[in-house]
Amino acid sequence: MEIVQIAVVVVILIALVKPLGTYVYHVFSNEANWTDKLFGPFERLLYKLIGLKNRDGMSWKKYAFSFIVTNAALTAAGYLLLRLQRLLPFNPNGMDGMEPTLTFNTVISFITNTNLQHYSGESALSYFSQMAVIMMMMFTSAATGFSVAIAFIRGLTSRGRTIGHFFEDFVKAHTRILLPASFVITLVLVALQVPQTLEPTLTVKTLEGASQQIAIGPVASLESIKHLGTNGGGFFGVNSAHPFENPNPLTNVIEILSMWALPAALPYTFGRFARSKKQGWVIFSAMMVLFLICLTTVYTAEKAGNPIFNSLGIDASQGSMEGKEVRFGIAGSALFTAVTTAATTGSVNNMHDTLTPIGGLVPMAEMMLNVIFGGKGVGLINMLMYAILAVFLCGLMVGRTPEFLGRKIEPREVKLIAVAILAHPFVILAPTALALMTGAGQAGITNPGFHGISQVLYEYASSAANNGSGFEGLSDNTTFWNISTGLVMLLGRYISIIAMLAVAGSLLRKKPVPDTLGTFRTDNALFTGLLVGTVLLIGALTFMPAVALGPIAEYLTIR
């Protein structure tokens, strides 16, 4: 029955890909369509307010500059608001300003769409901070990721001379996708008993007559954009395991589909831009194959239970339920775990630190690969990067200049892709080694064994992949961890994005090459297999030594 439940959610997701992908294409195609009539008047007002008169398009350098400057301005504003939250309104519980290094970590975390939290929201943030900083950045970071993904798609597929206009894409991502969808999901969650209020923390008497504090607040509105924007930062410290964030199996499915649907639809959008729907389905199929491998692994591992408990004769028929909510069970927890790290959301409905070693390896591997659906556009960009690389490798083997979507892949593009591919493991493995070597890093590790290595490796993988989930046994709210993960989040977000925008700009300038009998096809099952193989080969060569010291070694010690 559990497998049927998982299968139903996967089938619903697949059914949503085409309509959502088509809608996103209409939003960003810059061709007249029905969405203009609905949202055009409001957008024109916004363009007038921000002084945007010329929307003819930008070069990749100007697009990247606009993206970075916008993020920098929002980061500065967020930092000031968190430091001054004691003086600001909607603070009924009297929250003080955040400590400087934690503020640095938090604003970097949310502007990069990572949402790594070294604090518990209900005890560290005022309602104003939750709405004006956290939710604001959840919208804007998702919108910037969406915009960059669309710009990259245009660079690969456009016959024009521009990858688009950043501020037009940025506005459309808000007005036509994130705001309407968040409004609807918020109403659904409120109807399903998720709180949405500005009342202060409740003081109630328990059955034993003791006094208890129960935190509430504008939870439903944060939950909607948290998942739709693949953000992941929770209103409460335990995130979507909290009954106010995720009260029942139905809300669990809604949250899974909310964070999964748009990233899964983007490959179809890519196919529409490329004027080849097969091209989009090939990318989607590669992502889904990798996802199903990961989902099967984590479900099987958690369902099998803890090997130590099994050896003691303890009944493990329910599987390994440590750190999981009974209302979700193994199936709901395993599916949420696989989706949240595949979609680089970081929201959790169970504690990943308590997963079995092989179960914990799955979310770690998904973040290391960083191509399985991904967040708002990042996963698609990375998978297309691997697609270009796969074409290049195949071209070398047959002795001809590789082509992708009618454009030649030459040394400039390959060098930029190499920068993006090598940067990701570097910003994970180098800080991991530093943390394990230094006293400041070791001070946060609560487990001295192989699991301690896994905790550190997971923390930096989550930071680099803009995910935000964690093995929460790590004591990470220290100066060392706040600064180091903050820097990793910055590098992990912007190096690859800038490199891939440069690739898009380079390909855009090239004249399309007509197909010939010798052209290597990239819209069939063979290329799907080559793409999956390329991702797994590079991922294994890069990360296997580190993984062997963490979850694999831990698994072998408890067998």
Protein backbone atom coordinates (compact mmCIF):
# COMPACT_ATOMS: atom_id res chain seq x y z
CA MET A 1 0.00 0.00 0.00
CA GLU A 2 2.88 2.38 0.76
CA ILE A 3 4.33 1.86 -2.72
CA VAL A 4 0.91 2.63 -4.22
CA GLN A 5 0.80 5.89 -2.25
CA ILE A 6 4.20 6.90 -3.60
CA ALA A 7 3.25 5.88 -7.14
CA VAL A 8 0.08 8.00 -7.04
CA VAL A 9 2.07 11.12 -6.13
CA VAL A 10 4.61 10.45 -8.88
CA VAL A 11 1.82 9.96 -11.45
CA ILE A 12 0.15 13.22 -10.39
CA LEU A 13 3.49 14.99 -10.78
CA ILE A 14 4.00 13.62 -14.29
CA ALA A 15 0.46 14.69 -15.22
CA LEU A 16 1.25 18.26 -14.11
CA VAL A 17 4.44 18.58 -16.18
CA LYS A 18 2.90 19.44 -19.55
CA PRO A 19 0.29 22.02 -18.45
CA LEU A 20 2.67 23.74 -16.02
CA GLY A 21 5.55 23.68 -18.47
CA THR A 22 3.32 25.17 -21.17
CA TYR A 23 2.15 27.90 -18.80
CA VAL A 24 5.72 28.83 -17.85
CA TYR A 25 6.59 28.98 -21.55
CA HIS A 26 3.73 31.41 -22.17
CA VAL A 27 4.88 33.56 -19.25
CA PHE A 28 8.46 33.97 -20.51
CA SER A 29 8.19 33.51 -24.29
CA ASN A 30 7.63 37.26 -24.83
CA GLU A 31 4.99 36.31 -27.39
CA ALA A 32 1.46 37.69 -27.08
CA ASN A 33 -0.77 35.26 -25.14
CA TRP A 34 -3.68 35.18 -22.70
CA THR A 35 -1.50 35.81 -19.63
CA ASP A 36 -0.79 39.34 -20.95
CA LYS A 37 -4.44 40.31 -20.64
CA LEU A 38 -4.67 39.02 -17.09
CA PHE A 39 -1.41 40.34 -15.64
CA GLY A 40 -0.27 42.98 -18.15
CA PRO A 41 -1.96 46.05 -16.61
CA PHE A 42 -0.52 45.39 -13.14
CA GLU A 43 2.95 44.68 -14.58
CA ARG A 44 2.95 47.88 -16.61
CA LEU A 45 2.21 49.77 -13.40
CA LEU A 46 5.18 48.08 -11.72
CA TYR A 47 7.45 48.86 -14.67
CA LYS A 48 6.42 52.50 -14.42
CA LEU A 49 7.06 52.61 -10.67
CA ILE A 50 10.58 51.20 -11.02
CA GLY A 51 11.35 53.34 -14.07
CA LEU A 52 11.71 50.44 -16.49
CA LYS A 53 11.13 51.89 -19.95
CA ASN A 54 13.40 49.87 -22.21
CA ARG A 55 12.77 46.10 -22.21
CA ASP A 56 14.53 45.26 -25.45
CA GLY A 57 16.91 42.79 -23.86
CA MET A 58 20.35 42.50 -22.26
CA SER A 59 23.70 40.94 -22.96
CA TRP A 60 24.65 38.08 -20.64
CA LYS A 61 27.04 40.39 -18.75
CA LYS A 62 24.38 43.02 -18.13
CA TYR A 63 21.87 40.31 -17.15
CA ALA A 64 24.32 38.83 -14.64
CA PHE A 65 25.21 42.29 -13.29
CA SER A 66 21.53 43.19 -12.80
CA PHE A 67 20.93 39.86 -11.06
CA ILE A 68 23.88 40.32 -8.68
CA VAL A 69 23.17 43.97 -7.86
CA THR A 70 19.51 43.20 -7.11
CA ASN A 71 20.53 40.37 -4.80
CA ALA A 72 23.11 42.59 -3.07
CA ALA A 73 20.55 45.34 -2.39
CA LEU A 74 18.05 42.85 -0.96
CA THR A 75 20.80 41.29 1.19
CA ALA A 76 21.73 44.66 2.69
CA ALA A 77 18.10 45.46 3.46
CA GLY A 78 17.55 42.06 5.05
CA TYR A 79 20.65 42.38 7.22
CA LEU A 80 19.53 45.73 8.63
CA LEU A 81 16.00 44.50 9.36
CA LEU A 82 17.21 41.42 11.24
CA ARG A 83 19.71 43.40 13.29
CA LEU A 84 17.06 46.01 14.18
CA GLN A 85 14.05 43.70 14.61
CA ARG A 86 13.73 44.66 18.31
CA LEU A 87 12.76 48.20 17.26
CA LEU A 88 10.38 47.18 14.47
CA PRO A 89 6.62 46.44 14.58
CA PHE A 90 4.82 43.06 14.75
CA ASN A 91 7.09 41.80 17.50
CA PRO A 92 4.59 40.76 20.20
CA ASN A 93 7.03 38.30 21.78
CA GLY A 94 9.81 40.91 22.17
CA MET A 95 12.47 39.22 19.99
CA ASP A 96 15.88 40.90 20.15
CA GLY A 97 18.09 41.60 17.14
CA MET A 98 20.11 38.73 15.68
CA GLU A 99 23.80 38.25 16.48
CA PRO A 100 25.98 39.60 13.61
CA THR A 101 27.46 36.33 12.28
CA LEU A 102 24.09 34.60 12.48
CA THR A 103 22.52 37.54 10.64
CA PHE A 104 25.18 37.27 7.95
CA ASN A 105 24.51 33.56 7.58
CA THR A 106 20.75 34.02 7.51
CA VAL A 107 20.55 36.74 4.86
CA ILE A 108 23.07 34.92 2.63
CA SER A 109 21.14 31.71 3.15
CA PHE A 110 17.80 33.14 2.09
CA ILE A 111 18.98 35.37 -0.78
CA THR A 112 20.75 32.37 -2.35
CA ASN A 113 17.57 30.25 -2.07
CA THR A 114 19.39 27.95 0.37
CA ASN A 115 17.43 28.69 3.55
CA LEU A 116 19.90 26.96 5.81
CA GLN A 117 18.81 27.84 9.34
CA HIS A 118 21.20 28.02 12.27
CA TYR A 119 18.32 29.23 14.45
CA SER A 120 14.75 28.23 15.35
CA GLY A 121 12.27 30.62 13.77
CA GLU A 122 9.75 30.62 16.61
CA SER A 123 12.38 31.69 19.16
CA ALA A 124 14.61 33.99 17.08
CA LEU A 125 12.44 36.00 14.68
CA SER A 126 9.59 38.46 15.06
CA TYR A 127 6.52 38.21 12.83
CA PHE A 128 7.80 41.24 10.94
CA SER A 129 11.15 39.55 10.27
CA GLN A 130 9.42 36.36 9.16
CA MET A 131 7.33 38.33 6.65
CA ALA A 132 9.52 41.27 5.58
CA VAL A 133 12.85 39.41 5.43
CA ILE A 134 12.33 35.65 5.28
CA MET A 135 9.23 35.56 3.06
CA MET A 136 10.45 38.48 0.95
CA MET A 137 13.68 36.65 0.18
CA MET A 138 11.80 33.41 -0.44
CA PHE A 139 9.95 35.17 -3.26
CA THR A 140 12.88 37.14 -4.67
CA SER A 141 15.48 34.35 -4.57
CA ALA A 142 13.08 31.97 -6.32
CA ALA A 143 12.24 34.63 -8.90
CA THR A 144 15.91 35.33 -9.64
CA GLY A 145 16.62 31.61 -10.08
CA PHE A 146 13.64 31.31 -12.41
CA SER A 147 14.82 34.30 -14.41
CA VAL A 148 18.36 33.00 -14.84
CA ALA A 149 17.08 29.58 -15.95
CA ILE A 150 14.89 31.18 -18.60
CA ALA A 151 17.78 33.37 -19.75
CA PHE A 152 19.98 30.29 -20.08
CA ILE A 153 17.27 28.49 -22.07
CA ARG A 154 17.00 31.48 -24.41
CA GLY A 155 20.76 31.43 -24.94
CA LEU A 156 20.63 27.79 -26.01
CA THR A 157 17.50 28.01 -28.16
CA SER A 158 16.99 31.60 -29.34
CA ARG A 159 17.62 32.77 -32.87
CA GLY A 160 17.73 36.36 -31.65
CA ARG A 161 20.57 38.37 -30.12
CA THR A 162 19.50 38.60 -26.47
CA ILE A 163 18.86 36.34 -23.51
CA GLY A 164 16.07 38.65 -22.30
CA HIS A 165 15.69 41.45 -19.79
CA PHE A 166 16.36 40.52 -16.15
CA PHE A 167 13.90 42.92 -14.54
CA GLU A 168 11.07 41.94 -16.88
CA ASP A 169 11.68 38.25 -16.13
CA PHE A 170 12.00 39.04 -12.42
CA VAL A 171 8.65 40.84 -12.32
CA LYS A 172 6.87 38.17 -14.37
CA ALA A 173 8.15 35.39 -12.13
CA HIS A 174 6.47 37.16 -9.21
CA THR A 175 3.23 38.36 -10.78
CA ARG A 176 2.39 35.41 -13.02
CA ILE A 177 3.74 32.44 -11.07
CA LEU A 178 4.83 32.82 -7.45
CA LEU A 179 2.27 35.28 -6.05
CA PRO A 180 -0.90 33.70 -7.56
CA ALA A 181 0.20 30.16 -6.75
CA SER A 182 1.25 31.10 -3.19
CA PHE A 183 -2.11 32.77 -2.57
CA VAL A 184 -4.02 29.65 -3.60
CA ILE A 185 -1.79 27.24 -1.64
CA THR A 186 -2.03 29.50 1.45
CA LEU A 187 -5.83 29.32 1.38
CA VAL A 188 -5.70 25.53 0.98
CA LEU A 189 -3.31 25.15 3.92
CA VAL A 190 -5.41 27.42 6.13
CA ALA A 191 -8.44 25.27 5.28
CA LEU A 192 -6.42 22.24 6.39
CA GLN A 193 -5.70 23.78 9.83
CA VAL A 194 -2.30 25.44 9.27
CA PRO A 195 -2.25 28.65 11.40
CA GLN A 196 -2.25 32.12 9.82
CA THR A 197 -2.36 34.80 12.51
CA LEU A 198 -0.50 37.74 14.05
CA GLU A 199 -1.51 36.82 17.60
CA PRO A 200 1.35 36.37 20.12
CA THR A 201 2.53 33.03 21.49
CA LEU A 202 -0.25 31.19 23.31
CA THR A 203 0.01 30.30 26.99
CA VAL A 204 -2.08 27.25 27.81
CA LYS A 205 -2.50 24.81 30.69
CA THR A 206 -1.66 21.17 30.09
CA LEU A 207 -3.68 18.22 31.40
CA GLU A 208 -1.28 18.05 34.34
CA GLY A 209 -2.01 21.71 35.15
CA ALA A 210 1.39 23.02 34.04
CA SER A 211 1.80 26.14 31.90
CA GLN A 212 3.01 25.73 28.30
CA GLN A 213 4.00 28.20 25.58
CA ILE A 214 2.74 27.38 22.07
CA ALA A 215 4.21 29.42 19.23
CA ILE A 216 1.89 30.46 16.41
CA GLY A 217 2.02 33.10 13.67
CA PRO A 218 1.63 33.64 9.90
CA VAL A 219 2.61 30.04 9.17
CA ALA A 220 0.44 29.13 6.15
CA SER A 221 1.67 32.02 3.98
CA LEU A 222 5.29 31.16 4.71
CA GLU A 223 4.67 27.45 4.04
CA SER A 224 3.24 28.13 0.60
CA ILE A 225 6.18 30.14 -0.77
CA LYS A 226 8.62 28.01 1.20
CA HIS A 227 7.70 25.06 -1.01
CA LEU A 228 6.64 26.78 -4.22
CA GLY A 229 9.91 28.71 -4.24
CA THR A 230 11.91 25.58 -3.27
CA ASN A 231 13.17 27.55 -0.29
CA GLY A 232 12.80 25.22 2.67
CA GLY A 233 13.26 27.53 5.66
CA GLY A 234 10.70 26.62 8.31
CA PHE A 235 8.63 28.89 10.53
CA PHE A 236 9.45 26.43 13.33
CA GLY A 237 12.77 24.82 14.15
CA VAL A 238 11.61 21.30 13.26
CA ASN A 239 10.32 22.53 9.90
CA SER A 240 7.60 20.49 8.18
CA ALA A 241 7.73 17.82 10.87
CA HIS A 242 5.85 20.34 13.05
CA PRO A 243 2.07 19.72 13.12
CA PHE A 244 1.39 23.44 12.57
CA GLU A 245 3.44 23.43 9.37
CA ASN A 246 2.38 20.03 8.07
CA PRO A 247 -0.54 18.62 10.07
CA ASN A 248 -1.61 15.54 8.08
CA PRO A 249 -0.83 13.26 5.09
CA LEU A 250 -2.86 15.48 2.73
CA THR A 251 -0.82 18.60 3.53
CA ASN A 252 2.27 16.41 3.18
CA VAL A 253 1.33 15.55 -0.41
CA ILE A 254 0.43 19.19 -1.18
CA GLU A 255 3.82 20.36 0.08
CA ILE A 256 5.62 17.64 -1.89
CA LEU A 257 3.88 18.60 -5.13
CA SER A 258 4.32 22.32 -4.41
CA MET A 259 8.12 22.04 -4.29
CA TRP A 260 8.36 19.44 -7.05
CA ALA A 261 5.93 20.52 -9.78
CA LEU A 262 7.57 23.68 -11.15
CA PRO A 263 11.16 22.30 -11.25
CA ALA A 264 9.80 19.16 -12.95
CA ALA A 265 7.90 21.28 -15.50
CA LEU A 266 10.92 23.36 -16.54
CA PRO A 267 12.38 20.66 -18.85
CA TYR A 268 9.11 20.73 -20.81
CA THR A 269 9.37 24.52 -20.94
CA PHE A 270 12.87 24.06 -22.33
CA GLY A 271 11.46 21.75 -25.00
CA ARG A 272 8.91 24.37 -26.01
CA PHE A 273 11.63 27.01 -26.34
CA ALA A 274 13.77 24.57 -28.34
CA ARG A 275 10.81 23.83 -30.62
CA SER A 276 11.32 20.16 -29.82
CA LYS A 277 9.18 18.68 -27.08
CA LYS A 278 11.22 15.47 -27.32
CA GLN A 279 14.25 17.45 -26.22
CA GLY A 280 12.41 18.48 -23.06
CA TRP A 281 11.18 14.97 -22.32
CA VAL A 282 14.73 13.61 -22.66
CA ILE A 283 15.95 15.98 -19.93
CA PHE A 284 12.92 15.19 -17.77
CA SER A 285 13.41 11.43 -18.25
CA ALA A 286 17.06 11.63 -17.18
CA MET A 287 16.05 13.54 -14.07
CA MET A 288 13.26 11.07 -13.28
CA VAL A 289 15.52 8.02 -13.72
CA LEU A 290 18.02 9.46 -11.24
CA PHE A 291 15.21 10.43 -8.88
CA LEU A 292 13.62 6.97 -8.88
CA ILE A 293 16.98 5.38 -8.13
CA CYS A 294 17.37 7.69 -5.13
CA LEU A 295 13.77 7.26 -3.95
CA THR A 296 13.97 3.46 -4.17
CA THR A 297 17.22 3.46 -2.21
CA VAL A 298 16.03 5.64 0.66
CA TYR A 299 12.66 3.86 0.93
CA THR A 300 14.29 0.41 0.93
CA ALA A 301 16.90 1.43 3.48
CA GLU A 302 14.40 2.98 5.89
CA LYS A 303 11.87 0.18 5.44
CA ALA A 304 14.54 -2.43 6.23
CA GLY A 305 15.15 -0.79 9.60
CA ASN A 306 18.29 -0.35 11.67
CA PRO A 307 20.64 -3.35 11.22
CA ILE A 308 21.60 -3.24 14.91
CA PHE A 309 17.97 -3.44 16.04
CA ASN A 310 17.35 -6.26 13.58
CA SER A 311 20.30 -8.23 14.96
CA LEU A 312 18.86 -7.89 18.48
CA GLY A 313 15.56 -9.44 17.38
CA ILE A 314 13.57 -6.21 17.86
CA ASP A 315 10.44 -6.03 15.70
CA ALA A 316 11.32 -3.84 12.70
CA SER A 317 8.18 -4.43 10.66
CA GLN A 318 7.44 -0.70 10.64
CA GLY A 319 10.95 0.11 9.47
CA SER A 320 13.30 2.64 11.04
CA MET A 321 10.88 5.13 12.61
CA GLU A 322 13.50 7.03 14.59
CA GLY A 323 13.13 10.76 13.84
CA LYS A 324 9.99 10.27 11.76
CA GLU A 325 6.38 11.30 12.34
CA VAL A 326 3.89 8.45 12.71
CA ARG A 327 1.32 10.41 10.68
CA PHE A 328 3.60 10.17 7.63
CA GLY A 329 5.21 6.77 8.10
CA ILE A 330 8.10 5.42 6.05
CA ALA A 331 6.51 6.12 2.65
CA GLY A 332 5.59 9.75 3.32
CA SER A 333 8.94 10.41 4.99
CA ALA A 334 11.06 8.72 2.30
CA LEU A 335 9.22 10.48 -0.55
CA PHE A 336 9.53 13.86 1.19
CA THR A 337 13.24 13.25 1.81
CA ALA A 338 13.93 12.32 -1.82
CA VAL A 339 11.91 15.23 -3.22
CA THR A 340 13.16 17.96 -0.90
CA THR A 341 16.82 17.30 -1.75
CA ALA A 342 16.13 16.57 -5.43
CA ALA A 343 14.29 19.89 -5.74
CA THR A 344 16.94 21.59 -3.53
CA THR A 345 14.19 22.77 -1.19
CA GLY A 346 15.60 21.73 2.17
CA SER A 347 12.24 21.44 3.89
CA VAL A 348 12.10 18.30 6.06
CA ASN A 349 9.25 16.28 7.56
CA ASN A 350 11.67 13.97 9.38
CA MET A 351 15.12 14.44 10.86
CA HIS A 352 17.71 13.46 8.24
CA ASP A 353 20.31 13.02 10.99
CA THR A 354 18.39 9.95 12.18
CA LEU A 355 18.14 8.27 8.78
CA THR A 356 19.95 4.96 8.39
CA PRO A 357 23.43 5.37 6.86
CA ILE A 358 22.31 4.41 3.33
CA GLY A 359 19.08 6.38 3.75
CA GLY A 360 21.13 9.43 4.75
CA LEU A 361 23.44 8.91 1.79
CA VAL A 362 20.55 9.53 -0.63
CA PRO A 363 19.80 13.21 0.18
CA MET A 364 23.55 13.82 0.41
CA ALA A 365 24.09 12.29 -3.06
CA GLU A 366 21.22 14.28 -4.57
CA MET A 367 22.77 17.51 -3.35
CA MET A 368 26.21 16.49 -4.58
CA LEU A 369 24.86 15.74 -8.07
CA ASN A 370 22.62 18.84 -7.95
CA VAL A 371 20.87 18.01 -11.24
CA ILE A 372 17.80 15.99 -10.22
CA PHE A 373 15.05 18.55 -10.92
CA GLY A 374 16.77 21.14 -8.72
CA GLY A 375 15.25 24.35 -7.41
CA LYS A 376 13.81 27.16 -9.46
CA GLY A 377 15.94 26.61 -12.54
CA VAL A 378 19.24 25.54 -10.99
CA GLY A 379 18.65 21.83 -11.59
CA LEU A 380 17.69 22.40 -15.21
CA ILE A 381 20.74 24.63 -15.82
CA ASN A 382 23.04 22.00 -14.30
CA MET A 383 21.44 19.14 -16.25
CA LEU A 384 21.76 21.09 -19.51
CA MET A 385 25.39 21.70 -18.58
CA TYR A 386 25.89 17.94 -18.34
CA ALA A 387 23.98 17.49 -21.61
CA ILE A 388 26.42 19.81 -23.38
CA LEU A 389 29.31 17.95 -21.76
CA ALA A 390 27.89 14.58 -22.86
CA VAL A 391 27.62 15.85 -26.44
CA PHE A 392 31.21 17.10 -26.26
CA LEU A 393 32.51 13.74 -25.02
CA CYS A 394 30.59 11.89 -27.72
CA GLY A 395 31.97 14.28 -30.31
CA LEU A 396 35.52 13.50 -29.18
CA MET A 397 34.88 9.77 -29.52
CA VAL A 398 33.62 10.00 -33.11
CA GLY A 399 36.08 12.67 -34.19
CA ARG A 400 33.78 15.55 -35.12
CA THR A 401 32.92 18.96 -33.70
CA PRO A 402 30.10 18.44 -31.18
CA GLU A 403 26.82 20.29 -31.62
CA PHE A 404 23.90 20.90 -29.27
CA LEU A 405 20.62 22.32 -30.55
CA GLY A 406 22.30 23.37 -33.78
CA ARG A 407 25.22 25.21 -32.19
CA LYS A 408 28.83 24.08 -32.08
CA ILE A 409 30.34 23.33 -28.68
CA GLU A 410 33.85 24.72 -28.67
CA PRO A 411 36.68 25.25 -26.13
CA ARG A 412 35.20 28.42 -24.60
CA GLU A 413 31.96 26.67 -23.61
CA VAL A 414 33.75 23.59 -22.31
CA LYS A 415 36.10 25.67 -20.15
CA LEU A 416 33.18 27.55 -18.60
CA ILE A 417 31.34 24.29 -17.94
CA ALA A 418 34.50 22.87 -16.36
CA VAL A 419 34.60 25.86 -14.00
CA ALA A 420 31.00 25.22 -12.93
CA ILE A 421 31.53 21.46 -12.52
CA LEU A 422 34.76 21.78 -10.53
CA ALA A 423 33.57 24.65 -8.34
CA HIS A 424 30.74 22.58 -6.84
CA PRO A 425 32.88 19.79 -5.30
CA PHE A 426 35.61 22.26 -4.35
CA VAL A 427 33.29 24.40 -2.19
CA ILE A 428 32.01 21.22 -0.53
CA LEU A 429 35.16 19.17 0.03
CA ALA A 430 37.66 21.93 0.89
CA PRO A 431 35.57 23.41 3.76
CA THR A 432 34.75 19.87 4.97
CA ALA A 433 38.46 19.13 5.29
CA LEU A 434 39.03 22.48 7.02
CA ALA A 435 36.24 21.84 9.52
CA LEU A 436 37.57 18.38 10.37
CA MET A 437 41.12 19.72 10.80
CA THR A 438 40.43 22.77 13.00
CA GLY A 439 39.28 23.07 16.57
CA ALA A 440 36.59 25.60 15.68
CA GLY A 441 35.06 23.16 13.22
CA GLN A 442 35.40 20.11 15.43
CA ALA A 443 33.68 21.93 18.29
CA GLY A 444 30.36 21.70 16.44
CA ILE A 445 30.59 17.98 15.69
CA THR A 446 28.48 16.01 18.17
CA ASN A 447 29.44 12.56 16.90
CA PRO A 448 33.17 11.66 16.87
CA GLY A 449 32.72 8.64 14.57
CA PHE A 450 31.95 8.22 10.89
CA HIS A 451 28.59 9.89 11.42
CA GLY A 452 30.40 13.05 12.47
CA ILE A 453 32.09 13.16 9.07
CA SER A 454 28.67 12.70 7.47
CA GLN A 455 27.30 15.62 9.50
CA VAL A 456 30.02 17.96 8.24
CA LEU A 457 29.88 16.71 4.65
CA TYR A 458 26.10 17.07 4.59
CA GLU A 459 26.24 20.62 5.96
CA TYR A 460 28.54 21.86 3.21
CA ALA A 461 26.82 19.85 0.48
CA SER A 462 23.53 21.42 1.55
CA SER A 463 25.09 24.89 1.54
CA ALA A 464 26.74 24.50 -1.88
CA ALA A 465 23.64 23.01 -3.50
CA ASN A 466 21.35 25.80 -2.19
CA ASN A 467 19.35 23.17 -0.31
CA GLY A 468 19.37 24.12 3.37
CA SER A 469 18.48 20.86 5.10
CA GLY A 470 20.96 19.49 7.60
CA PHE A 471 22.06 16.63 9.81
CA GLU A 472 20.85 18.64 12.77
CA GLY A 473 23.04 16.89 15.30
CA LEU A 474 25.66 19.44 14.24
CA SER A 475 26.03 22.40 16.64
CA ASP A 476 26.25 24.95 13.86
CA ASN A 477 25.33 28.33 15.38
CA THR A 478 28.92 29.40 15.99
CA THR A 479 31.12 32.00 14.32
CA PHE A 480 33.03 29.33 12.38
CA TRP A 481 29.97 27.58 10.99
CA ASN A 482 28.02 30.78 10.33
CA ILE A 483 30.83 32.36 8.33
CA SER A 484 32.08 29.25 6.53
CA THR A 485 28.66 28.04 5.38
CA GLY A 486 27.73 31.60 4.43
CA LEU A 487 30.74 31.80 2.11
CA VAL A 488 30.01 28.36 0.66
CA MET A 489 26.43 29.41 -0.08
CA LEU A 490 27.65 32.50 -1.91
CA LEU A 491 30.19 30.61 -4.01
CA GLY A 492 27.88 27.68 -4.65
CA ARG A 493 25.15 29.97 -5.96
CA TYR A 494 26.95 32.57 -8.01
CA ILE A 495 29.97 30.86 -9.59
CA SER A 496 27.90 28.33 -11.51
CA ILE A 497 25.17 30.81 -12.43
CA ILE A 498 27.63 33.36 -13.84
CA ALA A 499 29.57 30.66 -15.70
CA MET A 500 26.41 29.25 -17.28
CA LEU A 501 25.11 32.69 -18.26
CA ALA A 502 28.44 33.18 -20.00
CA VAL A 503 27.87 29.88 -21.84
CA ALA A 504 24.40 31.08 -22.85
CA GLY A 505 25.84 34.36 -24.15
CA SER A 506 28.53 32.53 -26.09
CA LEU A 507 26.10 30.10 -27.75
CA LEU A 508 23.68 32.90 -28.55
CA ARG A 509 26.28 34.60 -30.77
CA LYS A 510 26.85 31.50 -32.88
CA LYS A 511 25.08 30.86 -36.15
CA PRO A 512 22.88 27.74 -36.13
CA VAL A 513 24.40 24.74 -37.90
CA PRO A 514 21.97 22.72 -40.05
CA ASP A 515 21.47 19.06 -39.14
CA THR A 516 23.24 16.48 -41.30
CA LEU A 517 23.36 12.68 -41.36
CA GLY A 518 26.36 12.90 -39.03
CA THR A 519 24.65 15.08 -36.42
CA PHE A 520 24.48 13.37 -33.04
CA ARG A 521 20.85 13.23 -31.93
CA THR A 522 20.02 14.46 -28.44
CA ASP A 523 16.29 13.74 -28.45
CA ASN A 524 16.17 9.97 -28.04
CA ALA A 525 16.53 7.23 -25.43
CA LEU A 526 20.20 6.70 -26.25
CA PHE A 527 21.06 10.25 -25.24
CA THR A 528 18.99 9.88 -22.07
CA GLY A 529 21.20 6.94 -21.09
CA LEU A 530 24.37 8.83 -21.99
CA LEU A 531 23.24 11.81 -19.95
CA VAL A 532 22.46 9.71 -16.87
CA GLY A 533 25.79 7.92 -17.25
CA THR A 534 27.73 11.19 -17.53
CA VAL A 535 26.12 12.56 -14.36
CA LEU A 536 26.76 9.38 -12.36
CA LEU A 537 30.32 8.96 -13.62
CA ILE A 538 31.43 12.50 -12.79
CA GLY A 539 29.55 12.44 -9.47
CA ALA A 540 31.11 9.13 -8.42
CA LEU A 541 34.64 10.13 -9.39
CA THR A 542 34.30 13.41 -7.52
CA PHE A 543 32.60 12.47 -4.28
CA MET A 544 33.01 8.71 -3.72
CA PRO A 545 36.20 9.00 -1.58
CA ALA A 546 34.52 11.44 0.81
CA VAL A 547 31.27 9.45 0.93
CA ALA A 548 33.25 6.27 1.70
CA LEU A 549 34.58 7.94 4.87
CA GLY A 550 31.09 8.96 6.02
CA PRO A 551 27.83 7.08 5.39
CA ILE A 552 29.38 4.03 3.70
CA ALA A 553 31.89 3.47 6.51
CA GLU A 554 29.12 4.00 9.07
CA TYR A 555 26.94 1.43 7.32
CA LEU A 556 29.72 -1.16 7.27
CA THR A 557 30.35 -0.73 11.02
CA ILE A 558 26.72 -1.46 12.02
CA ARG A 559 26.03 -4.38 9.71
